[in-house]
N, C-alpha and C. Protein backbone atom coordinates (compact mmCIF):
# COMPACT_ATOMS: atom_id res chain seq x y z
N UNK A 1 -1.32 22.67 -8.15
CA UNK A 1 -0.33 21.55 -8.46
C UNK A 1 1.05 21.93 -8.26
N UNK A 2 1.85 21.17 -7.66
CA UNK A 2 3.57 21.44 -7.67
C UNK A 2 3.89 20.53 -8.58
N UNK A 3 5.15 20.88 -9.60
CA UNK A 3 5.93 19.89 -10.43
C UNK A 3 7.19 19.92 -9.93
N UNK A 4 7.86 18.73 -9.76
CA UNK A 4 9.29 18.73 -9.28
C UNK A 4 10.25 18.08 -10.30
N UNK A 5 11.27 18.71 -10.52
CA UNK A 5 12.31 18.28 -11.57
C UNK A 5 13.61 17.90 -10.55
N UNK A 6 13.77 16.89 -10.23
CA UNK A 6 14.86 16.43 -9.35
C UNK A 6 15.89 15.68 -10.03
N UNK A 7 16.82 15.12 -9.11
CA UNK A 7 17.99 14.47 -9.80
C UNK A 7 17.49 13.27 -10.56
N UNK A 8 18.33 12.61 -11.40
CA UNK A 8 18.01 11.36 -12.25
C UNK A 8 18.09 10.15 -11.42
N UNK A 9 18.71 10.03 -10.26
CA UNK A 9 19.02 8.91 -9.62
C UNK A 9 17.91 8.08 -9.19
N UNK A 10 16.80 8.94 -8.57
CA UNK A 10 15.70 8.12 -8.01
C UNK A 10 15.07 7.19 -8.87
N UNK A 11 14.50 6.04 -8.34
CA UNK A 11 13.95 4.95 -9.24
C UNK A 11 12.49 5.04 -8.93
N UNK A 12 11.84 5.28 -8.08
CA UNK A 12 10.28 5.41 -7.81
C UNK A 12 9.71 6.70 -8.02
N UNK A 13 9.14 6.68 -9.07
CA UNK A 13 8.29 8.08 -9.36
C UNK A 13 7.05 8.13 -8.73
N UNK A 14 7.08 9.31 -7.98
CA UNK A 14 6.04 9.22 -6.85
C UNK A 14 5.03 10.60 -6.98
N UNK A 15 3.82 10.41 -6.93
CA UNK A 15 2.90 11.62 -6.75
C UNK A 15 2.34 11.58 -5.39
N UNK A 16 1.95 12.80 -4.82
CA UNK A 16 1.20 12.92 -3.62
C UNK A 16 -0.14 13.55 -3.84
N UNK A 17 -1.41 13.20 -3.16
CA UNK A 17 -2.52 13.65 -3.22
C UNK A 17 -2.88 13.90 -1.67
N UNK A 18 -2.86 15.22 -1.40
CA UNK A 18 -3.03 15.64 0.05
C UNK A 18 -3.40 17.04 0.26
N UNK A 19 -4.29 17.47 0.78
CA UNK A 19 -4.99 18.70 0.89
C UNK A 19 -4.50 19.53 1.86
N UNK A 20 -3.89 18.86 3.02
CA UNK A 20 -3.21 19.64 4.02
C UNK A 20 -1.89 19.98 3.77
N UNK A 21 -1.58 21.45 3.81
CA UNK A 21 -0.23 21.75 3.10
C UNK A 21 0.99 21.20 3.96
N UNK A 22 0.75 21.40 5.20
CA UNK A 22 1.88 20.92 6.06
C UNK A 22 2.24 19.43 5.94
N UNK A 23 1.28 18.68 5.87
CA UNK A 23 1.47 17.22 5.62
C UNK A 23 1.99 17.04 4.50
N UNK A 24 1.52 17.77 3.22
CA UNK A 24 2.09 17.46 1.87
C UNK A 24 3.32 17.87 1.86
N UNK A 25 3.85 19.04 2.25
CA UNK A 25 5.10 19.61 2.28
C UNK A 25 6.07 18.51 2.99
N UNK A 26 5.61 17.92 4.16
CA UNK A 26 6.34 17.16 5.09
C UNK A 26 6.70 15.74 4.28
N UNK A 27 5.62 15.32 3.63
CA UNK A 27 5.90 14.17 2.79
C UNK A 27 6.92 14.21 1.68
N UNK A 28 6.67 15.60 1.00
CA UNK A 28 7.65 15.76 0.01
C UNK A 28 9.21 15.99 0.43
N UNK A 29 9.44 16.45 1.54
CA UNK A 29 10.52 16.85 2.21
C UNK A 29 11.18 15.41 2.70
N UNK A 30 10.36 14.60 3.23
CA UNK A 30 10.85 13.22 3.62
C UNK A 30 11.32 12.57 2.40
N UNK A 31 10.68 12.32 1.32
CA UNK A 31 10.88 11.51 0.08
C UNK A 31 12.14 12.11 -0.74
N UNK A 32 12.26 13.45 -0.73
CA UNK A 32 13.17 14.10 -1.24
C UNK A 32 14.60 13.87 -0.66
N UNK A 33 14.62 13.32 0.50
CA UNK A 33 15.80 12.96 1.13
C UNK A 33 16.25 11.67 0.74
N UNK A 34 15.22 10.93 0.18
CA UNK A 34 15.65 9.42 0.06
C UNK A 34 15.82 9.07 -1.53
N UNK A 35 17.09 8.69 -1.74
CA UNK A 35 17.48 8.54 -3.07
C UNK A 35 16.74 7.48 -3.94
N UNK A 36 15.95 6.60 -3.22
CA UNK A 36 15.08 5.68 -3.93
C UNK A 36 13.90 6.39 -4.50
N UNK A 37 13.54 7.61 -4.20
CA UNK A 37 12.28 8.24 -4.70
C UNK A 37 12.48 9.40 -5.50
N UNK A 38 11.71 9.79 -6.60
CA UNK A 38 11.53 11.02 -7.23
C UNK A 38 10.17 11.53 -7.21
N UNK A 39 9.84 12.63 -6.47
CA UNK A 39 8.55 13.29 -6.30
C UNK A 39 8.38 14.04 -7.64
N UNK A 40 7.56 13.62 -8.45
CA UNK A 40 7.12 14.33 -9.65
C UNK A 40 6.29 15.35 -9.71
N UNK A 41 5.11 15.13 -8.82
CA UNK A 41 4.16 16.16 -8.74
C UNK A 41 3.39 16.06 -7.53
N UNK A 42 2.63 17.07 -7.03
CA UNK A 42 1.87 16.83 -5.67
C UNK A 42 0.48 17.71 -5.97
N UNK A 43 -0.64 17.13 -5.47
CA UNK A 43 -1.85 17.86 -5.73
C UNK A 43 -2.56 18.06 -4.44
N UNK A 44 -3.36 19.19 -4.47
CA UNK A 44 -4.14 19.50 -3.27
C UNK A 44 -5.60 19.02 -3.12
N UNK A 45 -6.05 18.56 -4.12
CA UNK A 45 -7.34 18.24 -4.52
C UNK A 45 -7.42 17.02 -5.54
N UNK A 46 -8.55 16.26 -5.37
CA UNK A 46 -8.71 15.11 -6.05
C UNK A 46 -9.12 15.49 -7.76
N UNK A 47 -9.93 16.64 -7.78
CA UNK A 47 -10.23 16.99 -9.15
C UNK A 47 -8.90 17.25 -10.01
N UNK A 48 -7.95 17.92 -9.53
CA UNK A 48 -6.55 18.26 -10.16
C UNK A 48 -6.05 17.13 -10.53
N UNK A 49 -5.92 16.00 -9.51
CA UNK A 49 -5.23 15.06 -9.42
C UNK A 49 -5.72 14.10 -10.90
N UNK A 50 -7.09 13.96 -10.75
CA UNK A 50 -7.76 13.13 -11.82
C UNK A 50 -7.39 13.68 -13.29
N UNK A 51 -7.38 15.00 -13.16
CA UNK A 51 -7.08 15.70 -14.61
C UNK A 51 -5.60 15.54 -14.99
N UNK A 52 -4.52 15.32 -13.97
CA UNK A 52 -3.23 15.47 -14.30
C UNK A 52 -2.46 14.04 -14.33
N UNK A 53 -2.96 13.12 -13.37
CA UNK A 53 -2.26 11.95 -13.13
C UNK A 53 -1.92 10.94 -14.47
N UNK A 54 -2.89 11.08 -15.49
CA UNK A 54 -2.67 10.33 -16.55
C UNK A 54 -1.61 10.58 -17.42
N UNK A 55 -1.24 11.72 -17.37
CA UNK A 55 -0.17 12.37 -18.16
C UNK A 55 1.09 12.03 -17.49
N UNK A 56 1.22 11.84 -16.09
CA UNK A 56 2.45 11.48 -15.24
C UNK A 56 2.67 10.01 -15.44
N UNK A 57 1.66 9.27 -15.28
CA UNK A 57 1.78 7.81 -15.13
C UNK A 57 2.78 7.38 -14.09
N UNK A 58 2.79 7.68 -12.79
CA UNK A 58 3.85 7.58 -11.83
C UNK A 58 3.77 6.09 -11.35
N UNK A 59 4.86 5.66 -10.61
CA UNK A 59 4.82 4.34 -10.24
C UNK A 59 3.99 4.15 -9.11
N UNK A 60 3.81 5.15 -8.12
CA UNK A 60 3.31 5.29 -6.81
C UNK A 60 2.48 6.41 -6.54
N UNK A 61 1.19 6.48 -6.37
CA UNK A 61 0.59 7.64 -5.81
C UNK A 61 0.09 7.35 -4.28
N UNK A 62 0.43 8.53 -3.55
CA UNK A 62 0.07 8.40 -2.13
C UNK A 62 -1.09 9.30 -1.92
N UNK A 63 -2.43 8.63 -1.47
CA UNK A 63 -3.63 9.30 -1.69
C UNK A 63 -4.20 9.51 -0.43
N UNK A 64 -4.53 10.79 0.02
CA UNK A 64 -5.30 10.85 1.11
C UNK A 64 -6.76 10.79 0.90
N UNK A 65 -7.60 10.17 1.94
CA UNK A 65 -8.91 9.95 1.78
C UNK A 65 -9.84 11.21 1.78
N UNK A 66 -9.66 11.90 2.95
CA UNK A 66 -10.69 13.03 3.13
C UNK A 66 -10.18 14.39 2.38
N UNK A 67 -10.41 14.45 0.99
CA UNK A 67 -10.02 15.58 0.28
C UNK A 67 -11.15 16.46 0.20
N UNK A 68 -11.07 17.90 -0.06
CA UNK A 68 -12.14 18.63 -0.28
C UNK A 68 -12.83 18.28 -1.62
N UNK A 69 -14.10 18.48 -1.82
CA UNK A 69 -14.88 18.04 -3.04
C UNK A 69 -14.82 16.50 -3.23
N UNK A 70 -14.17 15.97 -4.35
CA UNK A 70 -14.18 14.33 -4.44
C UNK A 70 -13.36 13.96 -3.55
N UNK A 71 -13.78 12.83 -2.95
CA UNK A 71 -12.84 12.26 -1.88
C UNK A 71 -11.69 11.29 -2.47
N UNK A 72 -10.76 10.89 -1.66
CA UNK A 72 -9.63 10.23 -2.16
C UNK A 72 -10.06 8.78 -2.85
N UNK A 73 -11.03 8.23 -2.30
CA UNK A 73 -11.55 6.87 -2.85
C UNK A 73 -12.17 6.90 -4.10
N UNK A 74 -13.07 7.93 -4.38
CA UNK A 74 -13.71 8.20 -5.71
C UNK A 74 -12.48 8.56 -6.60
N UNK A 75 -11.43 9.32 -6.28
CA UNK A 75 -10.36 9.88 -6.94
C UNK A 75 -9.69 8.54 -7.45
N UNK A 76 -9.43 7.65 -6.66
CA UNK A 76 -8.87 6.35 -6.96
C UNK A 76 -9.41 5.74 -7.86
N UNK A 77 -10.76 5.51 -7.88
CA UNK A 77 -11.54 4.69 -8.84
C UNK A 77 -11.37 5.15 -10.12
N UNK A 78 -11.29 6.47 -10.15
CA UNK A 78 -11.05 7.02 -11.59
C UNK A 78 -9.59 6.95 -12.13
N UNK A 79 -8.81 7.44 -11.24
CA UNK A 79 -7.32 7.22 -11.55
C UNK A 79 -6.65 5.96 -11.83
N UNK A 80 -7.28 5.01 -11.32
CA UNK A 80 -6.96 3.63 -11.39
C UNK A 80 -7.17 3.38 -12.83
N UNK A 81 -8.15 3.55 -13.25
CA UNK A 81 -8.50 3.22 -14.94
C UNK A 81 -7.47 3.96 -15.87
N UNK A 82 -7.06 5.09 -15.44
CA UNK A 82 -6.23 5.98 -16.04
C UNK A 82 -4.73 5.62 -16.30
N UNK A 83 -4.46 4.99 -15.04
CA UNK A 83 -3.13 4.79 -14.68
C UNK A 83 -3.13 3.19 -14.22
N UNK A 84 -3.42 2.49 -15.14
CA UNK A 84 -3.46 0.85 -14.57
C UNK A 84 -2.12 0.23 -13.95
N UNK A 85 -0.84 0.77 -14.33
CA UNK A 85 0.20 0.29 -13.77
C UNK A 85 0.67 0.99 -12.59
N UNK A 86 0.03 1.95 -12.28
CA UNK A 86 0.22 2.72 -10.94
C UNK A 86 -0.15 2.00 -9.65
N UNK A 87 0.58 2.12 -8.60
CA UNK A 87 0.32 1.51 -7.29
C UNK A 87 -0.34 2.70 -6.45
N UNK A 88 -1.44 2.45 -5.92
CA UNK A 88 -2.13 3.51 -5.17
C UNK A 88 -2.10 2.97 -3.76
N UNK A 89 -1.60 3.99 -2.75
CA UNK A 89 -1.52 3.64 -1.29
C UNK A 89 -2.28 4.77 -0.60
N UNK A 90 -3.28 4.44 0.26
CA UNK A 90 -4.00 5.37 1.07
C UNK A 90 -3.35 5.74 2.19
N UNK A 91 -3.32 6.92 2.55
CA UNK A 91 -2.59 7.66 3.63
C UNK A 91 -3.42 8.63 4.28
N UNK A 92 -3.88 8.22 5.47
CA UNK A 92 -5.09 8.71 6.12
C UNK A 92 -5.23 8.64 7.59
N UNK A 93 -5.86 9.40 8.31
CA UNK A 93 -5.90 9.26 9.56
C UNK A 93 -7.15 8.30 10.11
N UNK A 94 -7.73 7.75 9.18
CA UNK A 94 -8.91 6.74 9.45
C UNK A 94 -8.51 5.60 9.78
N UNK A 95 -9.24 5.04 10.94
CA UNK A 95 -8.79 3.48 11.00
C UNK A 95 -10.14 2.72 11.01
N UNK A 96 -11.18 3.25 10.54
CA UNK A 96 -12.47 2.84 10.16
C UNK A 96 -12.46 1.70 9.23
N UNK A 97 -12.98 0.40 9.62
CA UNK A 97 -12.74 -0.81 8.71
C UNK A 97 -13.42 -0.52 7.43
N UNK A 98 -14.75 0.12 7.60
CA UNK A 98 -15.60 0.35 6.22
C UNK A 98 -14.59 1.13 5.08
N UNK A 99 -14.05 2.12 5.76
CA UNK A 99 -13.12 2.74 4.60
C UNK A 99 -11.89 1.97 4.05
N UNK A 100 -11.43 1.16 4.87
CA UNK A 100 -10.26 0.17 4.51
C UNK A 100 -10.88 -0.55 3.52
N UNK A 101 -11.98 -1.24 3.55
CA UNK A 101 -12.49 -2.16 2.53
C UNK A 101 -12.80 -1.61 1.31
N UNK A 102 -13.50 -0.36 1.45
CA UNK A 102 -13.90 0.56 0.25
C UNK A 102 -12.56 0.94 -0.45
N UNK A 103 -11.47 1.17 0.15
CA UNK A 103 -10.45 1.73 -0.52
C UNK A 103 -9.63 0.63 -1.32
N UNK A 104 -9.83 -0.56 -0.60
CA UNK A 104 -8.99 -1.74 -1.13
C UNK A 104 -9.68 -2.30 -2.38
N UNK A 105 -11.16 -2.28 -2.18
CA UNK A 105 -12.11 -2.57 -3.40
C UNK A 105 -11.88 -1.60 -4.68
N UNK A 106 -11.72 -0.50 -4.24
CA UNK A 106 -11.61 0.60 -5.34
C UNK A 106 -10.18 0.49 -6.10
N UNK A 107 -9.26 -0.37 -5.50
CA UNK A 107 -8.07 -0.56 -6.28
C UNK A 107 -6.84 -0.24 -5.57
N UNK A 108 -6.83 0.33 -4.08
CA UNK A 108 -5.53 0.50 -3.49
C UNK A 108 -4.75 -0.76 -3.20
N UNK A 109 -3.72 -0.56 -3.15
CA UNK A 109 -2.66 -1.89 -2.84
C UNK A 109 -2.14 -1.77 -1.36
N UNK A 110 -2.39 -0.64 -0.83
CA UNK A 110 -1.74 -0.52 0.59
C UNK A 110 -2.49 0.53 1.20
N UNK A 111 -2.25 0.65 2.49
CA UNK A 111 -3.02 1.43 3.39
C UNK A 111 -2.39 1.87 4.65
N UNK A 112 -1.97 3.18 4.92
CA UNK A 112 -0.97 3.56 6.00
C UNK A 112 -1.85 4.72 6.69
N UNK A 113 -1.58 4.60 8.07
CA UNK A 113 -2.02 5.72 8.87
C UNK A 113 -1.03 6.78 8.90
N UNK A 114 -1.55 8.15 8.99
CA UNK A 114 -0.69 9.16 9.02
C UNK A 114 0.26 9.08 10.34
N UNK A 115 0.05 8.42 11.21
CA UNK A 115 0.72 8.45 12.34
C UNK A 115 1.91 7.45 12.28
N UNK A 116 1.95 6.84 11.00
CA UNK A 116 3.06 5.76 10.82
C UNK A 116 4.30 6.57 10.74
N UNK A 117 5.51 6.01 11.27
CA UNK A 117 6.66 6.68 11.39
C UNK A 117 7.27 7.04 10.04
N UNK A 118 8.08 8.00 9.93
CA UNK A 118 8.51 8.31 8.38
C UNK A 118 9.42 7.14 7.85
N UNK A 119 10.29 6.54 8.78
CA UNK A 119 11.07 5.51 8.21
C UNK A 119 10.30 4.32 7.72
N UNK A 120 9.14 3.94 8.49
CA UNK A 120 8.22 2.81 8.08
C UNK A 120 7.57 3.19 6.64
N UNK A 121 7.21 4.51 6.73
CA UNK A 121 6.70 5.17 5.52
C UNK A 121 7.48 4.58 4.29
N UNK A 122 8.69 5.20 4.09
CA UNK A 122 9.63 5.04 3.17
C UNK A 122 9.83 3.39 2.86
N UNK A 123 9.95 2.64 3.80
CA UNK A 123 10.08 1.03 3.75
C UNK A 123 8.73 0.60 3.03
N UNK A 124 7.64 1.09 3.36
CA UNK A 124 6.44 0.61 2.88
C UNK A 124 6.14 0.97 1.39
N UNK A 125 6.60 2.10 1.15
CA UNK A 125 6.49 2.58 -0.21
C UNK A 125 7.60 1.77 -1.44
N UNK A 126 8.51 1.42 -0.74
CA UNK A 126 9.52 0.39 -1.46
C UNK A 126 8.96 -1.01 -1.75
N UNK A 127 8.49 -1.33 -0.49
CA UNK A 127 7.70 -2.73 -0.57
C UNK A 127 6.65 -2.76 -1.53
N UNK A 128 5.78 -1.64 -1.60
CA UNK A 128 4.71 -1.48 -2.46
C UNK A 128 5.25 -1.58 -4.03
N UNK A 129 6.26 -0.88 -4.35
CA UNK A 129 6.80 -0.90 -5.58
C UNK A 129 7.33 -2.11 -6.02
N UNK A 130 7.66 -3.02 -4.94
CA UNK A 130 8.22 -4.39 -5.30
C UNK A 130 7.23 -5.45 -5.50
N UNK A 131 5.92 -4.91 -5.23
CA UNK A 131 4.79 -5.94 -5.35
C UNK A 131 4.11 -6.34 -4.28
N UNK A 132 4.60 -5.82 -3.13
CA UNK A 132 3.82 -6.16 -1.86
C UNK A 132 2.57 -5.06 -1.44
N UNK A 133 1.90 -5.51 -0.64
CA UNK A 133 0.68 -4.51 -0.32
C UNK A 133 0.79 -4.16 1.42
N UNK A 134 1.57 -3.21 1.46
CA UNK A 134 1.90 -2.86 2.89
C UNK A 134 0.58 -2.17 3.60
N UNK A 135 0.18 -2.33 4.96
CA UNK A 135 -0.78 -1.94 5.73
C UNK A 135 -0.30 -1.69 6.95
N UNK A 136 -0.77 -0.65 7.79
CA UNK A 136 -0.45 -0.42 9.07
C UNK A 136 -1.05 -1.70 9.88
N UNK A 137 -0.25 -1.86 10.99
CA UNK A 137 -0.71 -3.13 11.82
C UNK A 137 -2.12 -2.87 12.23
N UNK A 138 -2.46 -1.70 12.43
CA UNK A 138 -3.96 -1.63 13.01
C UNK A 138 -4.96 -2.03 12.00
N UNK A 139 -4.50 -1.55 10.81
CA UNK A 139 -5.50 -1.66 9.59
C UNK A 139 -5.41 -3.27 9.22
N UNK A 140 -4.34 -3.84 9.34
CA UNK A 140 -4.32 -5.45 8.93
C UNK A 140 -5.05 -6.18 10.13
N UNK A 141 -4.98 -5.71 11.21
CA UNK A 141 -5.85 -6.38 12.23
C UNK A 141 -7.25 -6.21 11.99
N UNK A 142 -7.64 -5.25 11.62
CA UNK A 142 -9.16 -4.90 11.37
C UNK A 142 -9.69 -5.68 9.96
N UNK A 143 -8.54 -5.93 9.00
CA UNK A 143 -8.99 -6.72 8.04
C UNK A 143 -9.13 -8.33 8.44
N UNK A 144 -8.33 -8.70 9.17
CA UNK A 144 -8.30 -10.07 9.79
C UNK A 144 -9.61 -10.36 10.64
N UNK A 145 -9.82 -9.30 11.56
CA UNK A 145 -11.01 -9.52 12.37
C UNK A 145 -12.27 -9.53 11.52
N UNK A 146 -12.36 -8.74 10.29
CA UNK A 146 -13.53 -8.77 9.52
C UNK A 146 -13.69 -9.99 8.80
N UNK A 147 -12.77 -10.67 8.40
CA UNK A 147 -12.55 -11.95 7.86
C UNK A 147 -12.94 -12.83 8.85
N UNK A 148 -12.64 -12.82 9.79
CA UNK A 148 -12.92 -13.82 10.81
C UNK A 148 -14.39 -13.94 11.17
N UNK A 149 -14.90 -12.63 11.19
CA UNK A 149 -16.29 -12.48 11.79
C UNK A 149 -17.16 -12.89 10.64
N UNK A 150 -16.75 -12.72 9.27
CA UNK A 150 -17.70 -13.07 8.27
C UNK A 150 -17.71 -14.62 7.94
N UNK A 151 -16.64 -15.14 7.99
CA UNK A 151 -16.35 -16.65 7.61
C UNK A 151 -15.47 -17.35 8.60
N UNK A 152 -15.54 -18.44 8.96
CA UNK A 152 -14.67 -19.16 9.86
C UNK A 152 -13.06 -19.34 9.15
N UNK A 153 -12.20 -19.38 9.84
CA UNK A 153 -10.77 -19.38 9.51
C UNK A 153 -10.50 -20.78 8.78
N UNK A 154 -9.88 -20.75 7.64
CA UNK A 154 -9.48 -22.00 7.06
C UNK A 154 -8.07 -22.06 6.91
N UNK A 155 -7.53 -23.18 7.41
CA UNK A 155 -5.97 -23.28 7.13
C UNK A 155 -5.80 -23.61 5.80
N UNK A 156 -4.63 -22.88 4.96
CA UNK A 156 -4.35 -23.38 3.87
C UNK A 156 -3.27 -24.36 3.76
N UNK A 157 -3.85 -25.67 3.56
CA UNK A 157 -2.94 -26.79 3.64
C UNK A 157 -2.01 -27.02 2.45
N UNK A 158 -2.12 -26.43 1.50
CA UNK A 158 -1.24 -26.13 0.43
C UNK A 158 -0.03 -25.70 0.69
N UNK A 159 -0.02 -24.85 1.82
CA UNK A 159 1.31 -24.19 2.13
C UNK A 159 2.06 -24.69 3.13
N UNK A 160 3.29 -24.65 2.94
CA UNK A 160 4.33 -25.28 4.07
C UNK A 160 4.12 -24.66 5.17
N UNK A 161 4.70 -25.10 6.37
CA UNK A 161 4.58 -24.52 7.61
C UNK A 161 5.20 -23.15 7.62
N UNK A 162 6.23 -22.97 6.98
CA UNK A 162 7.08 -21.86 6.94
C UNK A 162 6.26 -20.63 6.15
N UNK A 163 5.62 -21.16 4.97
CA UNK A 163 4.83 -20.32 4.22
C UNK A 163 3.49 -19.74 5.14
N UNK A 164 3.07 -20.38 5.80
CA UNK A 164 2.01 -20.34 6.82
C UNK A 164 2.44 -19.24 7.74
N UNK A 165 3.64 -19.40 8.23
CA UNK A 165 4.30 -18.45 9.16
C UNK A 165 4.39 -17.05 8.50
N UNK A 166 4.94 -16.93 7.39
CA UNK A 166 5.09 -15.79 6.63
C UNK A 166 3.73 -14.99 6.32
N UNK A 167 2.76 -16.05 5.87
CA UNK A 167 1.46 -15.44 5.71
C UNK A 167 0.89 -14.69 6.97
N UNK A 168 0.97 -15.49 7.99
CA UNK A 168 0.46 -15.07 9.18
C UNK A 168 1.09 -13.66 9.60
N UNK A 169 2.38 -13.47 9.37
CA UNK A 169 2.94 -12.05 9.57
C UNK A 169 2.70 -11.06 8.67
N UNK A 170 2.45 -11.40 7.36
CA UNK A 170 1.94 -10.55 6.42
C UNK A 170 0.53 -10.16 6.89
N UNK A 171 -0.37 -11.01 7.44
CA UNK A 171 -1.62 -10.69 7.76
C UNK A 171 -1.55 -9.80 9.04
N UNK A 172 -0.63 -9.56 9.89
CA UNK A 172 -0.45 -8.79 10.89
C UNK A 172 0.22 -7.40 10.31
N UNK A 173 0.52 -7.27 9.17
CA UNK A 173 0.91 -5.88 8.62
C UNK A 173 2.45 -5.74 8.63
N UNK A 174 3.15 -6.85 9.11
CA UNK A 174 4.59 -6.58 9.01
C UNK A 174 5.06 -6.31 7.65
N UNK A 175 6.29 -5.69 7.63
CA UNK A 175 6.97 -5.53 6.30
C UNK A 175 7.84 -6.50 6.13
N UNK A 176 8.44 -6.70 4.94
CA UNK A 176 9.31 -7.80 4.49
C UNK A 176 10.52 -7.95 5.44
N UNK A 177 11.11 -7.05 5.70
CA UNK A 177 12.35 -6.91 6.68
C UNK A 177 12.12 -7.18 7.97
N UNK A 178 10.83 -6.93 8.43
CA UNK A 178 10.36 -7.20 9.87
C UNK A 178 9.94 -8.76 9.97
N UNK A 179 9.47 -9.32 8.89
CA UNK A 179 9.40 -10.70 8.95
C UNK A 179 10.64 -11.44 8.82
N UNK A 180 11.42 -10.99 8.13
CA UNK A 180 12.93 -11.65 8.11
C UNK A 180 13.45 -11.56 9.35
N UNK A 181 13.39 -10.53 10.16
CA UNK A 181 14.03 -10.27 11.37
C UNK A 181 13.37 -11.35 12.30
N UNK A 182 11.98 -11.38 12.28
CA UNK A 182 11.25 -12.13 13.31
C UNK A 182 11.42 -13.63 13.04
N UNK A 183 11.64 -13.95 11.93
CA UNK A 183 11.78 -15.71 11.66
C UNK A 183 13.34 -15.90 11.40
N UNK A 184 14.02 -15.00 11.48
CA UNK A 184 15.49 -15.14 11.43
C UNK A 184 16.05 -15.78 10.14
N UNK A 185 15.47 -15.08 8.91
CA UNK A 185 15.72 -15.53 7.57
C UNK A 185 16.17 -14.26 6.72
N UNK A 186 16.60 -14.33 5.60
CA UNK A 186 16.99 -13.15 4.92
C UNK A 186 15.87 -12.87 4.15
N UNK A 187 15.76 -11.16 3.83
CA UNK A 187 14.77 -10.90 3.01
C UNK A 187 14.43 -11.46 1.74
N UNK A 188 15.70 -11.80 1.15
CA UNK A 188 15.43 -12.59 -0.18
C UNK A 188 14.59 -14.03 -0.04
N UNK A 189 14.74 -14.62 1.19
CA UNK A 189 14.04 -15.64 1.40
C UNK A 189 12.68 -15.45 1.77
N UNK A 190 12.35 -14.35 2.39
CA UNK A 190 10.84 -14.08 2.76
C UNK A 190 10.23 -13.82 1.35
N UNK A 191 10.87 -12.89 0.49
CA UNK A 191 10.40 -12.61 -0.95
C UNK A 191 10.22 -13.97 -1.72
N UNK A 192 10.92 -14.97 -1.56
CA UNK A 192 10.76 -16.19 -2.39
C UNK A 192 9.60 -17.07 -1.59
N UNK A 193 9.43 -16.87 -0.34
CA UNK A 193 8.16 -17.53 0.36
C UNK A 193 7.01 -16.95 -0.22
N UNK A 194 6.88 -15.51 -0.33
CA UNK A 194 5.72 -14.82 -0.66
C UNK A 194 5.52 -15.13 -2.14
N UNK A 195 6.33 -15.32 -2.96
CA UNK A 195 6.17 -15.64 -4.08
C UNK A 195 5.61 -17.01 -4.41
N UNK A 196 6.12 -17.85 -3.55
CA UNK A 196 5.56 -19.31 -3.58
C UNK A 196 4.12 -19.25 -3.02
N UNK A 197 3.60 -18.41 -1.99
CA UNK A 197 2.51 -18.41 -1.58
C UNK A 197 1.62 -17.76 -2.63
N UNK A 198 1.84 -16.76 -3.17
CA UNK A 198 1.02 -16.16 -4.28
C UNK A 198 1.00 -17.14 -5.39
N UNK A 199 1.89 -18.05 -5.91
CA UNK A 199 1.80 -18.98 -6.90
C UNK A 199 0.74 -20.19 -6.60
N UNK A 200 0.92 -20.69 -5.07
CA UNK A 200 0.01 -21.80 -4.53
C UNK A 200 -1.39 -21.34 -4.60
N UNK A 201 -1.42 -20.05 -4.00
CA UNK A 201 -2.86 -19.63 -3.93
C UNK A 201 -3.72 -18.86 -5.05
N UNK A 202 -2.78 -18.73 -6.16
CA UNK A 202 -3.33 -18.00 -7.35
C UNK A 202 -3.71 -16.63 -7.15
N UNK A 203 -2.99 -15.92 -6.39
CA UNK A 203 -3.28 -14.70 -6.16
C UNK A 203 -2.17 -13.68 -6.42
N UNK A 204 -2.36 -12.34 -6.40
CA UNK A 204 -1.42 -11.31 -6.81
C UNK A 204 -0.81 -10.52 -5.71
N UNK A 205 -1.39 -10.41 -4.65
CA UNK A 205 -0.84 -9.67 -3.64
C UNK A 205 -1.37 -10.05 -2.28
N UNK A 206 -0.97 -9.25 -1.14
CA UNK A 206 -1.21 -9.58 0.17
C UNK A 206 -2.67 -9.57 0.57
N UNK A 207 -3.48 -8.57 -0.08
CA UNK A 207 -4.81 -8.64 0.40
C UNK A 207 -5.47 -9.98 -0.25
N UNK A 208 -5.28 -10.18 -1.34
CA UNK A 208 -5.83 -11.37 -2.05
C UNK A 208 -5.37 -12.69 -1.27
N UNK A 209 -4.29 -12.67 -0.74
CA UNK A 209 -3.75 -13.91 -0.07
C UNK A 209 -4.44 -14.12 1.05
N UNK A 210 -4.57 -12.88 1.99
CA UNK A 210 -5.33 -13.03 3.20
C UNK A 210 -6.83 -13.27 2.90
N UNK A 211 -7.53 -12.88 2.01
CA UNK A 211 -8.82 -13.32 1.76
C UNK A 211 -9.05 -14.69 1.25
N UNK A 212 -7.85 -15.25 0.67
CA UNK A 212 -7.98 -16.78 0.19
C UNK A 212 -7.70 -17.46 1.28
N UNK A 213 -6.79 -17.03 2.32
CA UNK A 213 -6.38 -17.96 3.36
C UNK A 213 -7.61 -18.12 4.41
N UNK A 214 -8.29 -17.05 4.39
CA UNK A 214 -9.52 -16.92 5.53
C UNK A 214 -10.74 -17.22 4.74
N UNK A 215 -10.78 -17.91 3.38
CA UNK A 215 -11.96 -18.29 2.79
C UNK A 215 -13.00 -17.25 2.26
N UNK A 216 -12.47 -16.02 2.29
CA UNK A 216 -13.20 -14.96 1.49
C UNK A 216 -12.82 -14.80 0.01
N UNK A 217 -13.75 -14.95 -0.92
CA UNK A 217 -13.47 -15.08 -2.21
C UNK A 217 -14.25 -14.02 -3.04
C-alpha cells in the first residue's frame, strides 16, 4: 500500500486499487497533476484494500476488476458496506457485458475502460463525484443492447422532449459537457434536466434512469 500526503487544495479524495504497477503509477501521476483530486492511498490487491479502505473513507475508489486473489467485484461488494458514501468506479480492460452488470449490481456507480483517454478519465471522475454515473461509450451501448434484448423499449411519457434527449445521450455514455455541446446548452442546464429526470423517474443515478426508461425494474 502507498499512502500520499499532498497539498490541501484538492477536493476529491481518491483511492486506487490496481495490481499492475505501471498503470497504478500512471493513474497516480495523472491525478496528482489535477488540483481537483487528492490521491490519499493506492493498493495493489483487494485484500489490502478491504482491510484499509474503511479507515480512509475516500470520496472515490478507482477499482480494477482482474486483481490477484480476490477480484475487484468481490472487493467492491465488501468495501461498499464499509464505505457507504464512497463512489466506486470500475477501471478495466473488460468489455464483457456480464462483468458490466455484475459490477453495477455489486454497487459500482461507473465503469470505464483502461483505453479511455486521460482527459476523459478526469472528467468522468468529477462527474461521478457530482452524482453522475459515467460509463465508456462501449459499455453504455452494451447496457442498452442488453435492456433492449430483455424487454421492449418503453418511451417515458412523463419526460419532456428535451429531457428524453438528455436521457438518450446519457444512455450513450456521454459526459455532461459532451451533452451540453451536442445540444447547444450549458452544463448547468444539463444538470438541471438530469435532476428533473431523476425526480420524475424516482431514481438516483444514470443506471437506474436507463433501467427505468427501458422498462427494467
